[in-house]
Amino acid sequence: MYKITLLFVALFILSSCSTSLSKKEVEKYTIQGKEIAQATAKKLGGTLVEKMKDGGVKEAVPFCNTKAIPLTEEMAKKFNVSIKRTSHLLRNENNKANDKEALVINNYRDLLTKGKGLKPVVELDNDGNPHFYAPIILQKKCLACHGEVGINVTKKSDSIIESYYPKDLATGFKEGDLRGIWSITFKSAVE
């Protein structure tokens, strides 16, 4: 009897340690991830639009340099998640992609090359936490800082960007290009 009870306990433990998310969980984290990414983009983008109105790239770049990551961390705390924006062409080295994020970025780039649509991805990370990835598509309003130098990005703007980001790689984009990804880790179950 003891061996049978032990076998049932072991089977219960194994069955409760799922290595993947159910379809319902994927849907839930996709919805939550989109909401968090949109709220963060709205807060960050809204401030950037104001900075651009106030003084153009001269005002926007210093804001990004000192306030974008703290603002993202503030939103992460609000939603009890970890939020990161990363790219294959970095401006801020503090946003460097990890191996999984680089893989997601490359998959999105391949899909775009093949003319396919990009959708968010939700899966468990190596620590067993739900993780949301979504593409960041470059919008027209972003070209002043991320477009082609000499076309969308003036030489003066490029000099300002380089003064804050000497290793900048984040120019040369066109509207509709993949700028990077949202990488959001859920730290606890989302209600």
C-alpha atoms as a PDB file:
ATOM      1  CA  MET A   1       0.000   0.000   0.000  1.00  0.00           C
ATOM      2  CA  TYR A   2       2.874   2.359   0.863  1.00  0.00           C
ATOM      3  CA  LYS A   3       4.451   1.845  -2.590  1.00  0.00           C
ATOM      4  CA  ILE A   4       1.150   2.560  -4.365  1.00  0.00           C
ATOM      5  CA  THR A   5       0.607   5.748  -2.346  1.00  0.00           C
ATOM      6  CA  LEU A   6       4.154   6.835  -3.093  1.00  0.00           C
ATOM      7  CA  LEU A   7       3.610   6.136  -6.799  1.00  0.00           C
ATOM      8  CA  PHE A   8       0.421   8.270  -6.846  1.00  0.00           C
ATOM      9  CA  VAL A   9       2.184  11.119  -5.044  1.00  0.00           C
ATOM     10  CA  ALA A  10       5.055  10.997  -7.549  1.00  0.00           C
ATOM     11  CA  LEU A  11       2.619  10.953 -10.510  1.00  0.00           C
ATOM     12  CA  PHE A  12       0.705  13.891  -9.032  1.00  0.00           C
ATOM     13  CA  ILE A  13       3.892  15.917  -8.599  1.00  0.00           C
ATOM     14  CA  LEU A  14       5.063  15.132 -12.128  1.00  0.00           C
ATOM     15  CA  SER A  15       1.707  15.992 -13.664  1.00  0.00           C
ATOM     16  CA  SER A  16       1.521  19.310 -11.796  1.00  0.00           C
ATOM     17  CA  CYS A  17       4.993  20.381 -13.022  1.00  0.00           C
ATOM     18  CA  SER A  18       3.971  21.367 -16.512  1.00  0.00           C
ATOM     19  CA  THR A  19       6.718  22.388 -18.899  1.00  0.00           C
ATOM     20  CA  SER A  20       4.397  24.356 -21.140  1.00  0.00           C
ATOM     21  CA  LEU A  21       1.468  26.714 -20.931  1.00  0.00           C
ATOM     22  CA  SER A  22      -2.083  25.767 -21.791  1.00  0.00           C
ATOM     23  CA  LYS A  23      -3.842  27.510 -24.669  1.00  0.00           C
ATOM     24  CA  LYS A  24      -5.901  29.476 -22.147  1.00  0.00           C
ATOM     25  CA  GLU A  25      -2.764  30.596 -20.294  1.00  0.00           C
ATOM     26  CA  VAL A  26      -1.098  31.646 -23.550  1.00  0.00           C
ATOM     27  CA  GLU A  27      -4.178  33.733 -24.419  1.00  0.00           C
ATOM     28  CA  LYS A  28      -4.227  35.318 -20.951  1.00  0.00           C
ATOM     29  CA  TYR A  29      -0.518  36.243 -21.004  1.00  0.00           C
ATOM     30  CA  THR A  30      -0.788  37.470 -24.586  1.00  0.00           C
ATOM     31  CA  ILE A  31      -3.584  39.853 -23.633  1.00  0.00           C
ATOM     32  CA  GLN A  32      -1.754  40.984 -20.496  1.00  0.00           C
ATOM     33  CA  GLY A  33       1.555  41.341 -22.348  1.00  0.00           C
ATOM     34  CA  LYS A  34      -0.032  43.458 -25.073  1.00  0.00           C
ATOM     35  CA  GLU A  35      -1.691  45.699 -22.482  1.00  0.00           C
ATOM     36  CA  ILE A  36       1.566  46.161 -20.565  1.00  0.00           C
ATOM     37  CA  ALA A  37       3.608  46.832 -23.720  1.00  0.00           C
ATOM     38  CA  GLN A  38       1.005  49.310 -25.005  1.00  0.00           C
ATOM     39  CA  ALA A  39       0.796  51.126 -21.660  1.00  0.00           C
ATOM     40  CA  THR A  40       4.588  51.353 -21.447  1.00  0.00           C
ATOM     41  CA  ALA A  41       4.906  52.461 -25.075  1.00  0.00           C
ATOM     42  CA  LYS A  42       2.221  55.090 -24.520  1.00  0.00           C
ATOM     43  CA  LYS A  43       3.951  56.487 -21.444  1.00  0.00           C
ATOM     44  CA  LEU A  44       7.395  56.473 -23.059  1.00  0.00           C
ATOM     45  CA  GLY A  45       6.164  57.599 -26.482  1.00  0.00           C
ATOM     46  CA  GLY A  46       3.958  60.338 -25.059  1.00  0.00           C
ATOM     47  CA  THR A  47       6.861  61.850 -23.199  1.00  0.00           C
ATOM     48  CA  LEU A  48       9.090  61.585 -26.270  1.00  0.00           C
ATOM     49  CA  VAL A  49       6.498  63.359 -28.421  1.00  0.00           C
ATOM     50  CA  GLU A  50       6.417  66.188 -25.869  1.00  0.00           C
ATOM     51  CA  LYS A  51      10.217  66.377 -25.818  1.00  0.00           C
ATOM     52  CA  MET A  52      10.288  66.487 -29.629  1.00  0.00           C
ATOM     53  CA  LYS A  53       7.724  69.325 -29.594  1.00  0.00           C
ATOM     54  CA  ASP A  54       9.710  71.193 -26.927  1.00  0.00           C
ATOM     55  CA  GLY A  55      13.104  71.027 -28.604  1.00  0.00           C
ATOM     56  CA  GLY A  56      13.384  68.177 -31.065  1.00  0.00           C
ATOM     57  CA  VAL A  57      16.149  65.614 -30.922  1.00  0.00           C
ATOM     58  CA  LYS A  58      18.148  67.939 -28.633  1.00  0.00           C
ATOM     59  CA  GLU A  59      15.491  67.390 -25.918  1.00  0.00           C
ATOM     60  CA  ALA A  60      14.410  63.828 -26.757  1.00  0.00           C
ATOM     61  CA  VAL A  61      17.802  62.095 -26.779  1.00  0.00           C
ATOM     62  CA  PRO A  62      18.879  63.204 -23.276  1.00  0.00           C
ATOM     63  CA  PHE A  63      15.480  62.062 -21.992  1.00  0.00           C
ATOM     64  CA  CYS A  64      15.960  58.639 -23.561  1.00  0.00           C
ATOM     65  CA  ASN A  65      19.484  58.433 -22.233  1.00  0.00           C
ATOM     66  CA  THR A  66      18.576  59.051 -18.600  1.00  0.00           C
ATOM     67  CA  LYS A  67      14.845  58.382 -18.235  1.00  0.00           C
ATOM     68  CA  ALA A  68      13.737  55.595 -20.618  1.00  0.00           C
ATOM     69  CA  ILE A  69      15.023  52.671 -18.541  1.00  0.00           C
ATOM     70  CA  PRO A  70      13.799  54.120 -15.185  1.00  0.00           C
ATOM     71  CA  LEU A  71      10.402  54.806 -16.763  1.00  0.00           C
ATOM     72  CA  THR A  72      10.273  51.218 -18.038  1.00  0.00           C
ATOM     73  CA  GLU A  73      11.233  49.976 -14.560  1.00  0.00           C
ATOM     74  CA  GLU A  74       8.458  52.110 -13.056  1.00  0.00           C
ATOM     75  CA  MET A  75       5.934  50.467 -15.375  1.00  0.00           C
ATOM     76  CA  ALA A  76       7.365  47.024 -14.573  1.00  0.00           C
ATOM     77  CA  LYS A  77       6.833  47.662 -10.880  1.00  0.00           C
ATOM     78  CA  LYS A  78       3.282  48.859 -11.537  1.00  0.00           C
ATOM     79  CA  PHE A  79       2.425  45.613 -13.365  1.00  0.00           C
ATOM     80  CA  ASN A  80       4.608  43.293 -11.216  1.00  0.00           C
ATOM     81  CA  VAL A  81       6.604  42.120 -14.235  1.00  0.00           C
ATOM     82  CA  SER A  82      10.025  42.600 -15.751  1.00  0.00           C
ATOM     83  CA  ILE A  83       9.962  44.757 -18.913  1.00  0.00           C
ATOM     84  CA  LYS A  84      12.753  45.103 -21.420  1.00  0.00           C
ATOM     85  CA  ARG A  85      13.034  46.616 -24.881  1.00  0.00           C
ATOM     86  CA  THR A  86      15.842  45.193 -26.931  1.00  0.00           C
ATOM     87  CA  SER A  87      17.010  45.065 -30.522  1.00  0.00           C
ATOM     88  CA  HIS A  88      19.463  43.597 -32.993  1.00  0.00           C
ATOM     89  CA  LEU A  89      20.703  47.184 -33.542  1.00  0.00           C
ATOM     90  CA  LEU A  90      21.202  48.756 -30.134  1.00  0.00           C
ATOM     91  CA  ARG A  91      21.402  52.358 -29.135  1.00  0.00           C
ATOM     92  CA  ASN A  92      21.809  51.692 -25.416  1.00  0.00           C
ATOM     93  CA  GLU A  93      24.101  48.769 -24.582  1.00  0.00           C
ATOM     94  CA  ASN A  94      22.173  48.276 -21.314  1.00  0.00           C
ATOM     95  CA  ASN A  95      19.344  46.862 -23.458  1.00  0.00           C
ATOM     96  CA  LYS A  96      21.456  44.090 -25.009  1.00  0.00           C
ATOM     97  CA  ALA A  97      19.450  41.013 -25.984  1.00  0.00           C
ATOM     98  CA  ASN A  98      20.071  37.741 -24.199  1.00  0.00           C
ATOM     99  CA  ASP A  99      20.325  34.541 -26.267  1.00  0.00           C
ATOM    100  CA  LYS A 100      16.577  33.861 -26.252  1.00  0.00           C
ATOM    101  CA  GLU A 101      15.697  37.461 -27.136  1.00  0.00           C
ATOM    102  CA  ALA A 102      18.224  37.402 -29.987  1.00  0.00           C
ATOM    103  CA  LEU A 103      16.571  34.224 -31.285  1.00  0.00           C
ATOM    104  CA  VAL A 104      13.113  35.835 -31.134  1.00  0.00           C
ATOM    105  CA  ILE A 105      14.410  38.931 -32.935  1.00  0.00           C
ATOM    106  CA  ASN A 106      15.999  36.807 -35.670  1.00  0.00           C
ATOM    107  CA  ASN A 107      12.788  34.796 -36.073  1.00  0.00           C
ATOM    108  CA  TYR A 108      10.781  38.015 -36.478  1.00  0.00           C
ATOM    109  CA  ARG A 109      13.314  39.336 -39.006  1.00  0.00           C
ATOM    110  CA  ASP A 110      13.064  36.096 -40.991  1.00  0.00           C
ATOM    111  CA  LEU A 111       9.269  36.280 -40.983  1.00  0.00           C
ATOM    112  CA  LEU A 112       9.356  39.888 -42.222  1.00  0.00           C
ATOM    113  CA  THR A 113      11.791  38.916 -44.994  1.00  0.00           C
ATOM    114  CA  LYS A 114       9.312  36.246 -46.075  1.00  0.00           C
ATOM    115  CA  GLY A 115       6.459  38.796 -46.017  1.00  0.00           C
ATOM    116  CA  LYS A 116       4.711  37.140 -43.092  1.00  0.00           C
ATOM    117  CA  GLY A 117       2.939  38.883 -40.225  1.00  0.00           C
ATOM    118  CA  LEU A 118       4.434  39.110 -36.764  1.00  0.00           C
ATOM    119  CA  LYS A 119       2.564  37.930 -33.705  1.00  0.00           C
ATOM    120  CA  PRO A 120       3.459  37.948 -30.011  1.00  0.00           C
ATOM    121  CA  VAL A 121       5.024  34.803 -28.569  1.00  0.00           C
ATOM    122  CA  VAL A 122       4.265  33.524 -25.071  1.00  0.00           C
ATOM    123  CA  GLU A 123       6.168  30.644 -23.516  1.00  0.00           C
ATOM    124  CA  LEU A 124       7.764  29.557 -20.277  1.00  0.00           C
ATOM    125  CA  ASP A 125      11.308  30.795 -19.757  1.00  0.00           C
ATOM    126  CA  ASN A 126      14.140  28.729 -18.281  1.00  0.00           C
ATOM    127  CA  ASP A 127      12.966  29.623 -14.760  1.00  0.00           C
ATOM    128  CA  GLY A 128       9.405  28.470 -15.466  1.00  0.00           C
ATOM    129  CA  ASN A 129       7.972  32.001 -15.660  1.00  0.00           C
ATOM    130  CA  PRO A 130       5.560  33.000 -18.428  1.00  0.00           C
ATOM    131  CA  HIS A 131       7.410  35.235 -20.888  1.00  0.00           C
ATOM    132  CA  PHE A 132       5.863  37.523 -23.528  1.00  0.00           C
ATOM    133  CA  TYR A 133       7.736  38.677 -26.626  1.00  0.00           C
ATOM    134  CA  ALA A 134       6.271  41.090 -29.174  1.00  0.00           C
ATOM    135  CA  PRO A 135       7.697  42.987 -32.127  1.00  0.00           C
ATOM    136  CA  ILE A 136       8.333  46.720 -32.037  1.00  0.00           C
ATOM    137  CA  ILE A 137       7.669  48.074 -35.509  1.00  0.00           C
ATOM    138  CA  LEU A 138       9.242  51.407 -36.391  1.00  0.00           C
ATOM    139  CA  GLN A 139       6.675  54.174 -36.839  1.00  0.00           C
ATOM    140  CA  LYS A 140       7.047  57.276 -38.968  1.00  0.00           C
ATOM    141  CA  LYS A 141       7.400  59.523 -35.896  1.00  0.00           C
ATOM    142  CA  CYS A 142      10.502  57.542 -34.851  1.00  0.00           C
ATOM    143  CA  LEU A 143      12.443  58.290 -38.041  1.00  0.00           C
ATOM    144  CA  ALA A 144      13.926  61.560 -36.722  1.00  0.00           C
ATOM    145  CA  CYS A 145      16.132  59.511 -34.383  1.00  0.00           C
ATOM    146  CA  HIS A 146      16.139  56.048 -35.980  1.00  0.00           C
ATOM    147  CA  GLY A 147      15.828  56.731 -39.705  1.00  0.00           C
ATOM    148  CA  GLU A 148      18.500  57.068 -42.328  1.00  0.00           C
ATOM    149  CA  VAL A 149      21.218  59.619 -41.598  1.00  0.00           C
ATOM    150  CA  GLY A 150      21.083  62.399 -44.163  1.00  0.00           C
ATOM    151  CA  ILE A 151      17.481  61.558 -45.070  1.00  0.00           C
ATOM    152  CA  ASN A 152      15.399  61.364 -41.876  1.00  0.00           C
ATOM    153  CA  VAL A 153      18.129  61.947 -39.314  1.00  0.00           C
ATOM    154  CA  THR A 154      19.956  65.231 -39.850  1.00  0.00           C
ATOM    155  CA  LYS A 155      23.722  65.400 -39.419  1.00  0.00           C
ATOM    156  CA  LYS A 156      23.162  67.631 -36.370  1.00  0.00           C
ATOM    157  CA  SER A 157      20.732  65.118 -34.855  1.00  0.00           C
ATOM    158  CA  ASP A 158      23.162  62.293 -35.565  1.00  0.00           C
ATOM    159  CA  SER A 159      25.887  64.246 -33.729  1.00  0.00           C
ATOM    160  CA  ILE A 160      23.592  64.709 -30.734  1.00  0.00           C
ATOM    161  CA  ILE A 161      22.744  60.992 -30.708  1.00  0.00           C
ATOM    162  CA  GLU A 162      26.418  60.022 -30.956  1.00  0.00           C
ATOM    163  CA  SER A 163      27.335  62.340 -28.086  1.00  0.00           C
ATOM    164  CA  TYR A 164      25.010  60.352 -25.788  1.00  0.00           C
ATOM    165  CA  TYR A 165      25.443  56.963 -27.462  1.00  0.00           C
ATOM    166  CA  PRO A 166      28.973  56.677 -28.927  1.00  0.00           C
ATOM    167  CA  LYS A 167      28.368  53.057 -30.003  1.00  0.00           C
ATOM    168  CA  ASP A 168      24.940  53.718 -31.527  1.00  0.00           C
ATOM    169  CA  LEU A 169      23.750  51.246 -34.149  1.00  0.00           C
ATOM    170  CA  ALA A 170      20.073  52.248 -34.101  1.00  0.00           C
ATOM    171  CA  THR A 171      19.817  54.346 -37.260  1.00  0.00           C
ATOM    172  CA  GLY A 172      19.147  53.380 -40.859  1.00  0.00           C
ATOM    173  CA  PHE A 173      15.620  52.120 -40.231  1.00  0.00           C
ATOM    174  CA  LYS A 174      12.625  52.683 -42.484  1.00  0.00           C
ATOM    175  CA  GLU A 175       9.001  52.954 -41.436  1.00  0.00           C
ATOM    176  CA  GLY A 176       7.631  49.445 -40.891  1.00  0.00           C
ATOM    177  CA  ASP A 177      11.021  47.878 -40.087  1.00  0.00           C
ATOM    178  CA  LEU A 178      11.483  45.709 -37.025  1.00  0.00           C
ATOM    179  CA  ARG A 179      13.041  48.080 -34.483  1.00  0.00           C
ATOM    180  CA  GLY A 180      13.245  45.439 -31.752  1.00  0.00           C
ATOM    181  CA  ILE A 181      11.071  43.554 -29.307  1.00  0.00           C
ATOM    182  CA  TRP A 182       9.245  43.811 -26.027  1.00  0.00           C
ATOM    183  CA  SER A 183      10.457  41.170 -23.594  1.00  0.00           C
ATOM    184  CA  ILE A 184       8.152  40.880 -20.583  1.00  0.00           C
ATOM    185  CA  THR A 185       8.558  38.308 -17.828  1.00  0.00           C
ATOM    186  CA  PHE A 186       5.601  37.623 -15.556  1.00  0.00           C
ATOM    187  CA  LYS A 187       6.882  37.179 -12.016  1.00  0.00           C
ATOM    188  CA  SER A 188       3.660  35.769 -10.638  1.00  0.00           C
ATOM    189  CA  ALA A 189       0.314  34.600 -11.921  1.00  0.00           C
ATOM    190  CA  VAL A 190      -1.686  37.349 -13.596  1.00  0.00           C
ATOM    191  CA  GLU A 191      -5.282  37.504 -12.469  1.00  0.00           C
END
